[in-house]
Structures are given as C-alpha cells and as structure tokens.
Amino acid sequence: MIALAPKELIKNPTKYLSEHYPESVFDYVEYMLPVDNRGRYFHFDELKYRLPKKLDFALVWSLLKEARDKQKHTLYFIGDYEDFSLPSFYLTLTIQKAISETDRNTTTAALEWMCNKIGEQKHLDYLLNDLIEDEAISSSQLEGAATTTKVAKDMLKRARKPRSLDEKMILGNFRMMKFAWEHRNKALSVEFIEELHQIGVEGIEDDKYKPGMIRTTDDVVVENNDGEVVHTPPKAESLSSRLDMLVRWVNQSHHDAESSGYIHPLVKAITLHFRIGYEHPFHDGNGRVARALFYWYMFKNEFAAFRYIAISLLLKEAPVQYGKSYLYTETDEMDLTYFVDHQCRIIIRAINKFKASYKESVEQTEVFNKWLWDSGLYRQLTDKQQTVFQVAKSEKAVSFTINNVKDNLGCSYNTAATVLNGLVELQLFKKLKDGREWVYKMIDQKELVKSWQADTKQFKD
C-alpha cells in the first residue's frame, strides 16, 4: 500500500514556516528544492519514512510541491476529465543525463560511425541482430511469459513454430518490434495502434486479448501479484476521443529547440509509453504495446540504435519499481517525473550495456584477427566464415543453422551451407542433427587453441 499524502497543502508554506517554526527554519531548508542533495525526486510514499519525526510532514510536502510547481513543464492536455491535473514533469539530473546519452550514442549517425569504426560491418550486424531479440523476449517475460531466454532465442533464430502460449507471446512481441521498425516513418493513428496490438497478440488467446479491438467496457483493471487492484483505467466511454487527442499530440512537432513548447523525443516517447499503459485501451497486452510504441517513436526520430537497446531486459529485474512509477504519477496530480525519471535510469543502464557490447566486440575482433593470423587460418577462411566464426567465438550466438546464417548474412542457402560446412572441414565447428535440421556449433575455444598448439608443436618436432 502507498502512504497517503497530506489531505491539503499548506498555502504559502514559506510564510507558514516562519510564523509557526521560526526556530527550525534551517531544518526545513533542504525541502525547498524539487530534489534532495543526491538528485532524487521523492514521492510522498518514499519521503514520509525518511523524515525526522520532529518535522511537520504536511509542511515539508507543501514546501517541496511549491518548489516543484515553479519548475515543472506541462506536457499535454488530457481531455474531458473532471478533477484531473495536467500531466507535467520536472527535468531531473537523471533525465538530463539520459537525454545526453541518447543524443551521443543512439542516433542513426552514431550507429553508422560505430559500424565504420569496427571495420566489420557484417560481424556487427550479426551481433546486433542478436540484440534485437532481447527486447521481444524480455518484454514478454515482463508480462509473465515463463519460457527461458535460451529457449526463446533458439525459437527465433531457427524460425521454428512456437510450442506454447509463452512462446507465442514472444514471437508476437518480436513481430511487433519488427513492425514498429518497418513503419517508423508513418504518422501515428488509432488504426496503427490497433494493428500493432493485433500483430503482437493474435493467435495467443484471442478471447482474452481480443486482437486489435479497443475496449468498450470498464471491466479492465491492473492487479498486483497479490490480486489487489492497483490501477483502474479511465472510463471507456470517452476512450476514443482521448486516443484521438493523444495521436494529435504525438504527431505534432515539439522538436524545435527554440520553441517554448520544446520536448525532447526521448521524453515524448516515454510519455507515449506512459499514456498507453495508463489508458489501457485493450483488454490485455497493453504493456507490450506501450513499450513497442516507445521504440517506434525513437525509431521515427532517427535514434536507430534503440533497435538494439532492450529496456525490458532491465525493467523485468525490478518490476515492482516499474509499477510504482506508474502509481506515483497517478497519485501525485499526474506528475510524470516519477515515470520519466525511472525510465531514464533504465535507459542509461541499457545504453551502457549496448556500449559495452560494442566495445567488447571491437576488442574481440582485434584479438581474433591476431589469432587468425598467427594460426595461419586467416588465409583459409572466407569473409563470411570469419564473420560466423567471430560471432561464435564471442558467444553472442551458440548454435547456427543454415537458414539462420542465410538470413543474418543476406546470402543464398547454398552459400550459407558452404560457409558452415567449410568451418566443419577446418575442424573449427562441429555439426549435430536436431530433428530434420543440422545445427552447427563452434568447438570449445580451449580445445580449439589446445589442438592448434598441439598441432604446431608436433609440426615443429
């Protein structure tokens, strides 16, 4: 349960402080800023238990709210609601840092620079294709899919049919993310949101999800793990008009830095994510649609590296905090700072993981090339074989099939077969029969190097 805020704010809290607690002014000074000295933006649920008992909580909260209200930015008008505050946010240091990291590391231009720097375009593409799967899998797991990541990756890489509802959910998410990327240049529409939902959930449990159908009833609620209702979406009666307003707001340009209405694309994408989750326009599957629309908006605004940055991978590590960021916004006059700040913390970590993966790839490529040269294998491998072997050596992919290599390298089936069988002939790979399909795996690295060293020693002797 979330602690309750004071029923009423104290009007002119600074004056009230000087009149009622003149001897304690300095004890209250630190609460006259929107954030604490570590940059944290506390909700009253978090703040109440951190205060010294001698302080008046109603006064502290009133001072804090006054400081925040002076610096918050209104984001959009939500429509015909009674007793509904205008959604707004305060630009925390975390949000500023996330914007900076996004601008420096995730644009289409930054991604092209990374590809050029690594000097192995096809190898990087192969690695990045692997990362694309992470968001689809983790987003589904966040919604309750029980399939392991290893099994899910195997299904996607081998393009096999899903064997369970959980696998169907993951495949739907994968298709939804692909659809978001392929339609990144489209304007948003209610029909687009409906189509995205249909692609993501169709064929899973159609009676439960009602693919592509906006709800017309108020029987949808959000429950926690204990079955407690934590969110009741706004009435379905005016849902259609609210979605129309959201679509108009999303399609409106807010990216002119010289305009007073400027909103960075990252903040706007997170806000779109929130609104879909808050409105819950579908009977089920709203969370994954909300996250897919976040990605779609980032793609649309030339942040192409987000194809390979999985926020759900980190969200599922702390789902309670994800849920609380929704609740904190809803219970504090639609102050979106809680949700935007939380998402930005996740995004900073996700970008760092992406950068680390790239850095590791660069380093491994350099080591690998040296090993290839010293072993004499360099002259025996084709470019495509080098690519597949390096991916296997980096352990970004453990098993390979001819179809998988064909799709990732953009070559013919026969060429992919020649690549893999050639690696087997060079005793770098082994192949095993799995049903009707051959699966190729690299020989253990230690065994590979040991075998090469043994052969080298024998040759010298």
Protein backbone atom coordinates (compact mmCIF):
# COMPACT_ATOMS: atom_id res chain seq x y z
CA MET A 1 0.00 0.00 0.00
CA ILE A 2 1.16 3.53 -0.81
CA ALA A 3 1.20 6.02 2.05
CA LEU A 4 -1.36 8.80 1.73
CA ALA A 5 -0.35 12.38 1.01
CA PRO A 6 -1.50 15.20 3.28
CA LYS A 7 -5.16 15.93 2.56
CA GLU A 8 -4.49 19.59 1.88
CA LEU A 9 -1.37 21.52 1.01
CA ILE A 10 -0.44 24.47 3.19
CA LYS A 11 -0.91 27.71 1.30
CA ASN A 12 2.19 29.90 1.25
CA PRO A 13 4.27 27.31 3.14
CA THR A 14 7.33 29.56 3.44
CA LYS A 15 5.32 32.15 5.36
CA TYR A 16 3.72 29.39 7.43
CA LEU A 17 7.19 28.06 8.31
CA SER A 18 8.45 31.45 9.51
CA GLU A 19 5.33 32.01 11.59
CA HIS A 20 4.97 28.57 13.20
CA TYR A 21 8.50 27.14 13.27
CA PRO A 22 10.89 30.13 13.28
CA GLU A 23 13.47 28.24 15.35
CA SER A 24 13.50 25.31 12.87
CA VAL A 25 13.82 27.12 9.54
CA PHE A 26 17.19 25.55 8.75
CA ASP A 27 15.77 22.07 9.34
CA TYR A 28 13.29 22.68 6.52
CA VAL A 29 15.56 24.46 4.03
CA GLU A 30 16.64 21.30 2.21
CA TYR A 31 12.99 20.58 1.37
CA MET A 32 12.60 23.83 -0.52
CA LEU A 33 14.13 22.21 -3.63
CA PRO A 34 12.47 19.76 -6.07
CA VAL A 35 15.06 17.03 -5.39
CA ASP A 36 17.26 16.00 -2.50
CA ASN A 37 21.04 16.55 -2.38
CA ARG A 38 21.54 13.32 -4.38
CA GLY A 39 19.16 14.37 -7.13
CA ARG A 40 16.35 12.01 -6.06
CA TYR A 41 12.76 13.02 -6.77
CA PHE A 42 10.82 11.54 -3.87
CA HIS A 43 7.14 10.67 -3.87
CA PHE A 44 5.35 11.23 -0.56
CA ASP A 45 5.26 7.45 -0.14
CA GLU A 46 9.08 7.44 -0.06
CA LEU A 47 9.59 10.74 1.71
CA LYS A 48 7.34 10.14 4.72
CA TYR A 49 9.57 7.45 6.17
CA ARG A 50 12.78 9.39 5.60
CA LEU A 51 11.85 12.49 7.58
CA PRO A 52 12.99 13.19 11.13
CA LYS A 53 9.97 12.78 13.41
CA LYS A 54 10.28 16.36 14.66
CA LEU A 55 9.36 17.78 11.22
CA ASP A 56 5.81 18.52 10.12
CA PHE A 57 5.22 16.26 7.10
CA ALA A 58 2.39 18.39 5.71
CA LEU A 59 4.68 21.42 5.76
CA VAL A 60 7.61 19.54 4.20
CA TRP A 61 5.40 18.22 1.41
CA SER A 62 3.91 21.68 0.80
CA LEU A 63 7.37 23.25 0.56
CA LEU A 64 8.50 20.54 -1.83
CA LYS A 65 5.41 20.84 -4.02
CA GLU A 66 5.77 24.61 -4.20
CA ALA A 67 9.40 24.27 -5.38
CA ARG A 68 8.43 21.65 -7.97
CA ASP A 69 5.43 23.51 -9.33
CA LYS A 70 7.58 26.53 -10.12
CA GLN A 71 9.90 24.48 -12.35
CA LYS A 72 7.64 21.87 -13.94
CA HIS A 73 6.71 21.74 -17.63
CA THR A 74 3.20 20.88 -18.82
CA LEU A 75 3.31 18.12 -21.44
CA TYR A 76 -0.19 17.79 -22.87
CA PHE A 77 -3.90 18.29 -22.25
CA ILE A 78 -5.58 15.01 -21.47
CA GLY A 79 -9.17 15.84 -22.44
CA ASP A 80 -12.54 15.99 -20.75
CA TYR A 81 -11.69 14.88 -17.25
CA GLU A 82 -13.08 16.20 -14.01
CA ASP A 83 -10.65 16.75 -11.15
CA PHE A 84 -7.75 15.81 -13.37
CA SER A 85 -4.43 17.67 -13.24
CA LEU A 86 -2.42 18.48 -16.35
CA PRO A 87 0.42 15.97 -16.81
CA SER A 88 3.75 17.70 -16.24
CA PHE A 89 7.34 16.87 -15.34
CA TYR A 90 10.45 18.32 -13.73
CA LEU A 91 13.75 17.95 -15.57
CA THR A 92 15.82 15.94 -13.09
CA LEU A 93 19.56 15.36 -13.49
CA THR A 94 18.80 11.74 -14.40
CA ILE A 95 16.52 12.82 -17.24
CA GLN A 96 19.13 15.30 -18.47
CA LYS A 97 21.82 12.61 -18.41
CA ALA A 98 19.60 10.15 -20.28
CA ILE A 99 18.90 12.76 -22.96
CA SER A 100 22.64 13.41 -23.32
CA GLU A 101 23.48 9.69 -23.52
CA THR A 102 20.72 9.18 -26.07
CA ASP A 103 21.88 12.06 -28.26
CA ARG A 104 25.53 10.99 -28.15
CA ASN A 105 25.20 7.23 -28.54
CA THR A 106 21.94 6.15 -30.17
CA THR A 107 21.35 8.28 -33.25
CA THR A 108 21.47 6.77 -36.73
CA ALA A 109 24.68 8.73 -37.35
CA ALA A 110 26.28 7.35 -34.16
CA LEU A 111 25.36 3.81 -35.20
CA GLU A 112 26.91 4.31 -38.63
CA TRP A 113 30.09 5.65 -37.00
CA MET A 114 30.27 2.55 -34.78
CA CYS A 115 29.91 0.29 -37.80
CA ASN A 116 32.67 2.13 -39.64
CA LYS A 117 34.96 2.11 -36.63
CA ILE A 118 34.68 -1.61 -36.04
CA GLY A 119 35.61 -2.26 -39.65
CA GLU A 120 33.49 -5.42 -39.64
CA GLN A 121 30.05 -4.30 -40.77
CA LYS A 122 28.65 -7.79 -41.29
CA HIS A 123 30.02 -9.02 -37.98
CA LEU A 124 28.45 -6.10 -36.10
CA ASP A 125 25.17 -6.62 -37.94
CA TYR A 126 25.18 -10.24 -36.81
CA LEU A 127 25.71 -9.23 -33.20
CA LEU A 128 23.07 -6.52 -33.39
CA ASN A 129 20.53 -8.92 -34.88
CA ASP A 130 21.03 -10.98 -31.75
CA LEU A 131 20.35 -7.94 -29.56
CA ILE A 132 17.09 -7.20 -31.39
CA GLU A 133 15.67 -10.39 -29.92
CA ASP A 134 16.36 -9.33 -26.33
CA GLU A 135 13.59 -6.72 -26.14
CA ALA A 136 10.95 -9.03 -27.62
CA ILE A 137 11.88 -11.81 -25.19
CA SER A 138 12.27 -9.69 -22.04
CA SER A 139 9.11 -7.66 -22.74
CA SER A 140 7.15 -10.91 -22.88
CA GLN A 141 8.83 -12.21 -19.72
CA LEU A 142 7.89 -8.96 -18.00
CA GLU A 143 4.28 -9.77 -18.86
CA GLY A 144 4.58 -13.27 -17.41
CA ALA A 145 6.00 -15.47 -20.19
CA ALA A 146 7.78 -18.36 -18.48
CA THR A 147 9.95 -19.51 -21.40
CA THR A 148 13.68 -19.18 -20.75
CA THR A 149 15.73 -16.72 -22.76
CA LYS A 150 17.85 -19.54 -24.19
CA VAL A 151 14.82 -21.46 -25.49
CA ALA A 152 13.23 -18.27 -26.82
CA LYS A 153 16.38 -17.29 -28.73
CA ASP A 154 16.57 -20.76 -30.20
CA MET A 155 12.98 -20.43 -31.45
CA LEU A 156 13.60 -17.02 -33.04
CA LYS A 157 16.97 -17.88 -34.57
CA ARG A 158 15.74 -21.11 -36.09
CA ALA A 159 12.37 -19.61 -37.07
CA ARG A 160 10.59 -22.64 -35.65
CA LYS A 161 6.91 -22.56 -34.73
CA PRO A 162 6.10 -21.70 -31.10
CA ARG A 163 5.24 -24.69 -28.93
CA SER A 164 3.40 -22.91 -26.10
CA LEU A 165 1.40 -19.79 -25.29
CA ASP A 166 4.54 -18.23 -23.78
CA GLU A 167 6.48 -18.79 -27.00
CA LYS A 168 3.57 -17.38 -29.00
CA MET A 169 3.76 -14.27 -26.82
CA ILE A 170 7.47 -13.86 -27.52
CA LEU A 171 7.04 -14.39 -31.26
CA GLY A 172 4.21 -11.82 -31.25
CA ASN A 173 6.44 -9.30 -29.49
CA PHE A 174 9.22 -9.96 -31.99
CA ARG A 175 6.84 -9.33 -34.89
CA MET A 176 5.51 -6.21 -33.19
CA MET A 177 9.01 -4.75 -32.78
CA LYS A 178 9.79 -5.56 -36.41
CA PHE A 179 6.55 -3.86 -37.47
CA ALA A 180 7.45 -0.76 -35.40
CA TRP A 181 10.81 -0.52 -37.16
CA GLU A 182 9.45 -1.09 -40.66
CA HIS A 183 6.72 1.54 -40.15
CA ARG A 184 8.85 4.10 -38.35
CA ASN A 185 8.14 6.75 -40.97
CA LYS A 186 4.35 6.54 -40.60
CA ALA A 187 2.32 9.07 -38.65
CA LEU A 188 0.61 7.72 -35.56
CA SER A 189 -3.07 6.82 -35.78
CA VAL A 190 -5.52 4.86 -33.68
CA GLU A 191 -5.59 2.31 -36.52
CA PHE A 192 -1.81 1.95 -36.27
CA ILE A 193 -2.06 1.28 -32.52
CA GLU A 194 -4.79 -1.31 -33.18
CA GLU A 195 -2.69 -3.01 -35.87
CA LEU A 196 0.33 -3.08 -33.60
CA HIS A 197 -1.72 -4.79 -30.91
CA GLN A 198 -3.17 -7.30 -33.36
CA ILE A 199 0.29 -8.27 -34.64
CA GLY A 200 1.56 -8.67 -31.09
CA VAL A 201 -1.19 -10.82 -29.60
CA GLU A 202 -3.11 -12.52 -32.41
CA GLY A 203 -3.23 -16.29 -32.12
CA ILE A 204 -2.19 -16.40 -28.45
CA GLU A 205 -5.55 -16.39 -26.64
CA ASP A 206 -7.85 -14.37 -28.86
CA ASP A 207 -10.81 -14.49 -26.45
CA LYS A 208 -8.62 -13.00 -23.76
CA TYR A 209 -6.69 -10.43 -25.80
CA LYS A 210 -9.30 -9.51 -28.45
CA PRO A 211 -6.60 -8.62 -31.00
CA GLY A 212 -6.75 -5.07 -32.37
CA MET A 213 -10.01 -4.22 -30.58
CA ILE A 214 -10.18 -1.09 -28.41
CA ARG A 215 -12.11 -1.86 -25.23
CA THR A 216 -15.66 -0.53 -24.90
CA THR A 217 -16.22 -1.68 -21.31
CA ASP A 218 -14.84 -0.81 -17.89
CA ASP A 219 -14.08 -4.35 -16.76
CA VAL A 220 -10.30 -3.96 -17.19
CA VAL A 221 -8.12 -3.35 -14.13
CA VAL A 222 -4.45 -3.75 -13.22
CA GLU A 223 -3.70 -6.03 -10.28
CA ASN A 224 -0.50 -6.70 -8.37
CA ASN A 225 0.82 -10.18 -7.55
CA ASP A 226 -1.49 -10.38 -4.53
CA GLY A 227 -4.58 -9.76 -6.66
CA GLU A 228 -5.01 -6.24 -5.30
CA VAL A 229 -6.33 -3.68 -7.81
CA VAL A 230 -3.65 -1.01 -8.18
CA HIS A 231 -4.99 0.82 -11.22
CA THR A 232 -8.42 1.32 -12.71
CA PRO A 233 -8.11 2.82 -16.22
CA PRO A 234 -10.20 5.85 -17.17
CA LYS A 235 -13.72 5.22 -18.44
CA ALA A 236 -14.12 3.57 -21.84
CA GLU A 237 -16.91 5.99 -22.71
CA SER A 238 -14.51 8.75 -23.82
CA LEU A 239 -11.50 6.50 -24.58
CA SER A 240 -11.84 7.01 -28.33
CA SER A 241 -11.67 10.80 -28.05
CA ARG A 242 -8.73 10.62 -25.62
CA LEU A 243 -6.79 8.40 -28.01
CA ASP A 244 -7.54 10.84 -30.84
CA MET A 245 -6.10 13.65 -28.71
CA LEU A 246 -3.04 11.55 -27.91
CA VAL A 247 -2.49 10.82 -31.61
CA ARG A 248 -2.69 14.52 -32.48
CA TRP A 249 -0.22 15.37 -29.72
CA VAL A 250 2.26 12.69 -30.84
CA ASN A 251 2.06 13.80 -34.48
CA GLN A 252 2.57 17.44 -33.52
CA SER A 253 6.19 18.62 -33.74
CA HIS A 254 7.78 19.56 -30.42
CA HIS A 255 11.39 19.33 -31.52
CA ASP A 256 12.14 22.97 -32.31
CA ALA A 257 14.70 23.79 -29.63
CA GLU A 258 13.91 27.49 -29.92
CA SER A 259 10.21 26.94 -29.22
CA SER A 260 8.73 27.29 -25.73
CA GLY A 261 6.89 24.03 -26.41
CA TYR A 262 10.09 22.02 -26.98
CA ILE A 263 10.05 18.42 -25.77
CA HIS A 264 12.98 16.10 -26.38
CA PRO A 265 11.96 12.96 -28.38
CA LEU A 266 13.08 10.71 -25.51
CA VAL A 267 10.75 12.42 -23.04
CA LYS A 268 7.93 12.36 -25.56
CA ALA A 269 8.45 8.65 -26.30
CA ILE A 270 8.40 7.83 -22.58
CA THR A 271 5.24 9.91 -22.17
CA LEU A 272 3.59 7.93 -25.01
CA HIS A 273 4.66 4.74 -23.21
CA PHE A 274 3.01 6.01 -20.02
CA ARG A 275 -0.23 7.12 -21.65
CA ILE A 276 -0.88 3.77 -23.33
CA GLY A 277 -0.16 1.95 -20.09
CA TYR A 278 -2.36 4.36 -18.15
CA GLU A 279 -5.28 4.32 -20.59
CA HIS A 280 -5.17 0.52 -21.02
CA PRO A 281 -7.03 0.73 -24.35
CA PHE A 282 -7.04 -3.06 -24.86
CA HIS A 283 -8.34 -5.94 -22.79
CA ASP A 284 -4.81 -7.31 -22.38
CA GLY A 285 -1.35 -6.81 -23.85
CA ASN A 286 -1.24 -3.08 -23.10
CA GLY A 287 2.24 -3.08 -21.55
CA ARG A 288 3.97 -4.60 -24.55
CA VAL A 289 2.10 -2.26 -26.94
CA ALA A 290 3.14 0.72 -24.79
CA ARG A 291 6.80 -0.31 -24.91
CA ALA A 292 6.64 -1.04 -28.65
CA LEU A 293 5.26 2.47 -29.25
CA PHE A 294 8.11 3.91 -27.21
CA TYR A 295 10.54 2.21 -29.60
CA TRP A 296 8.53 3.23 -32.66
CA TYR A 297 8.76 6.88 -31.69
CA MET A 298 12.51 6.64 -31.07
CA PHE A 299 12.97 4.95 -34.47
CA LYS A 300 10.84 7.64 -36.08
CA ASN A 301 13.14 10.32 -34.73
CA GLU A 302 16.37 8.78 -36.03
CA PHE A 303 17.51 7.03 -32.85
CA ALA A 304 18.19 3.81 -34.74
CA ALA A 305 20.43 2.23 -32.11
CA PHE A 306 17.35 1.67 -29.94
CA ARG A 307 16.73 -1.39 -32.13
CA TYR A 308 19.50 -2.99 -30.08
CA ILE A 309 18.79 -1.50 -26.65
CA ALA A 310 16.45 -3.64 -24.54
CA ILE A 311 14.79 -1.62 -21.78
CA SER A 312 12.52 -4.52 -20.78
CA LEU A 313 15.59 -6.62 -20.01
CA LEU A 314 16.24 -4.25 -17.09
CA LEU A 315 12.60 -3.47 -16.27
CA LYS A 316 11.93 -7.15 -15.56
CA GLU A 317 14.73 -7.13 -12.95
CA ALA A 318 12.64 -4.76 -10.80
CA PRO A 319 9.02 -4.95 -11.96
CA VAL A 320 7.73 -3.51 -8.67
CA GLN A 321 9.63 -0.27 -9.23
CA TYR A 322 8.25 -0.11 -12.79
CA GLY A 323 4.72 -0.47 -11.44
CA LYS A 324 5.32 2.07 -8.68
CA SER A 325 6.49 4.67 -11.18
CA TYR A 326 3.02 4.47 -12.73
CA LEU A 327 1.29 4.65 -9.35
CA TYR A 328 3.43 7.51 -8.08
CA THR A 329 2.49 9.58 -11.14
CA GLU A 330 -1.19 8.77 -10.80
CA THR A 331 -1.34 9.54 -7.08
CA ASP A 332 0.51 12.85 -7.27
CA GLU A 333 -1.53 15.00 -9.64
CA MET A 334 -0.21 13.27 -12.78
CA ASP A 335 3.37 14.33 -12.07
CA LEU A 336 5.12 12.36 -14.82
CA THR A 337 8.55 12.98 -13.31
CA TYR A 338 8.35 9.71 -11.39
CA PHE A 339 7.73 7.65 -14.51
CA VAL A 340 10.07 9.57 -16.83
CA ASP A 341 12.89 9.59 -14.25
CA HIS A 342 12.54 5.85 -13.63
CA GLN A 343 12.55 5.06 -17.34
CA CYS A 344 15.59 7.29 -17.84
CA ARG A 345 17.50 5.41 -15.16
CA ILE A 346 16.72 2.19 -17.02
CA ILE A 347 17.63 3.72 -20.39
CA ILE A 348 21.02 4.96 -19.12
CA ARG A 349 21.85 1.43 -17.95
CA ALA A 350 20.58 -0.09 -21.21
CA ILE A 351 22.68 2.29 -23.31
CA ASN A 352 25.73 1.43 -21.20
CA LYS A 353 25.11 -2.29 -21.83
CA PHE A 354 24.86 -1.57 -25.56
CA LYS A 355 28.12 0.42 -25.49
CA ALA A 356 29.86 -2.32 -23.51
CA SER A 357 28.69 -4.93 -26.02
CA TYR A 358 30.07 -2.82 -28.86
CA LYS A 359 33.38 -2.23 -27.05
CA GLU A 360 33.72 -5.93 -26.32
CA SER A 361 33.01 -6.67 -29.96
CA VAL A 362 35.78 -4.29 -31.09
CA GLU A 363 38.29 -5.79 -28.67
CA GLN A 364 37.38 -9.36 -29.56
CA THR A 365 37.67 -8.59 -33.25
CA GLU A 366 41.23 -7.33 -32.74
CA VAL A 367 42.23 -10.37 -30.67
CA PHE A 368 40.51 -12.71 -33.08
CA ASN A 369 42.27 -11.25 -36.12
CA LYS A 370 45.64 -11.66 -34.41
CA TRP A 371 44.80 -15.27 -33.51
CA LEU A 372 43.69 -15.98 -37.06
CA TRP A 373 46.88 -14.53 -38.44
CA ASP A 374 49.20 -16.33 -36.02
CA SER A 375 47.43 -19.67 -36.56
CA GLY A 376 47.56 -19.39 -40.33
CA LEU A 377 43.80 -19.83 -40.60
CA TYR A 378 43.29 -16.30 -41.82
CA ARG A 379 44.23 -17.21 -45.36
CA GLN A 380 41.92 -20.23 -45.34
CA LEU A 381 38.68 -18.53 -44.19
CA THR A 382 36.38 -16.59 -46.46
CA ASP A 383 34.98 -13.26 -45.26
CA LYS A 384 31.67 -14.90 -44.38
CA GLN A 385 33.37 -17.69 -42.48
CA GLN A 386 35.37 -15.13 -40.50
CA THR A 387 32.13 -13.37 -39.60
CA VAL A 388 30.36 -16.50 -38.40
CA PHE A 389 33.43 -17.77 -36.56
CA GLN A 390 33.92 -14.46 -34.75
CA VAL A 391 30.27 -14.38 -33.67
CA ALA A 392 30.62 -17.93 -32.36
CA LYS A 393 33.87 -17.10 -30.57
CA SER A 394 32.29 -14.10 -28.86
CA GLU A 395 29.50 -16.45 -27.65
CA LYS A 396 26.83 -13.98 -28.75
CA ALA A 397 25.33 -16.93 -30.59
CA VAL A 398 25.99 -20.52 -29.57
CA SER A 399 24.34 -22.52 -32.32
CA PHE A 400 23.90 -21.84 -36.02
CA THR A 401 21.70 -23.22 -38.76
CA ILE A 402 21.94 -22.73 -42.49
CA ASN A 403 18.74 -20.67 -42.52
CA ASN A 404 19.93 -18.57 -39.61
CA VAL A 405 23.25 -17.76 -41.32
CA LYS A 406 21.47 -17.12 -44.63
CA ASP A 407 19.20 -14.52 -43.01
CA ASN A 408 21.92 -12.80 -40.96
CA LEU A 409 24.48 -12.62 -43.76
CA GLY A 410 21.96 -11.90 -46.52
CA CYS A 411 23.26 -14.68 -48.77
CA SER A 412 21.76 -17.70 -50.52
CA TYR A 413 21.00 -21.00 -48.79
CA ASN A 414 23.78 -22.77 -50.70
CA THR A 415 26.33 -20.11 -49.76
CA ALA A 416 25.34 -20.35 -46.08
CA ALA A 417 25.69 -24.14 -46.24
CA THR A 418 29.15 -23.81 -47.80
CA VAL A 419 30.18 -21.36 -45.05
CA LEU A 420 29.17 -23.68 -42.21
CA ASN A 421 30.37 -26.94 -43.76
CA GLY A 422 33.68 -25.29 -44.57
CA LEU A 423 34.12 -24.42 -40.88
CA VAL A 424 33.46 -28.08 -40.03
CA GLU A 425 36.07 -29.22 -42.57
CA LEU A 426 38.58 -26.87 -40.96
CA GLN A 427 37.78 -28.52 -37.62
CA LEU A 428 36.59 -25.26 -36.12
CA PHE A 429 32.93 -26.28 -35.93
CA LYS A 430 31.03 -29.50 -35.31
CA LYS A 431 27.52 -30.27 -36.56
CA LEU A 432 24.73 -32.24 -34.94
CA LYS A 433 21.38 -33.44 -36.22
CA ASP A 434 18.37 -31.89 -34.47
CA GLY A 435 15.21 -33.36 -35.93
CA ARG A 436 15.40 -32.69 -39.66
CA GLU A 437 17.86 -29.84 -39.32
CA TRP A 438 21.61 -29.65 -38.94
CA VAL A 439 22.80 -27.46 -36.07
CA TYR A 440 26.38 -26.14 -36.14
CA LYS A 441 28.39 -25.22 -33.05
CA MET A 442 31.91 -24.00 -32.57
CA ILE A 443 34.30 -26.39 -30.88
CA ASP A 444 35.15 -25.29 -27.34
CA GLN A 445 37.64 -22.42 -27.51
CA LYS A 446 40.10 -24.03 -25.09
CA GLU A 447 40.03 -27.26 -27.06
CA LEU A 448 40.46 -25.32 -30.27
CA VAL A 449 43.54 -23.43 -29.10
CA LYS A 450 44.95 -26.52 -27.35
CA SER A 451 44.52 -28.55 -30.53
CA TRP A 452 46.15 -25.84 -32.60
CA GLN A 453 49.08 -25.59 -30.16
CA ALA A 454 49.48 -29.36 -30.16
CA ASP A 455 49.49 -29.48 -33.94
CA THR A 456 52.00 -26.63 -34.04
CA LYS A 457 54.29 -28.39 -31.55
CA GLN A 458 54.05 -31.68 -33.46
CA PHE A 459 54.88 -29.89 -36.69
CA LYS A 460 57.94 -28.25 -35.08
CA ASP A 461 59.12 -31.59 -33.62
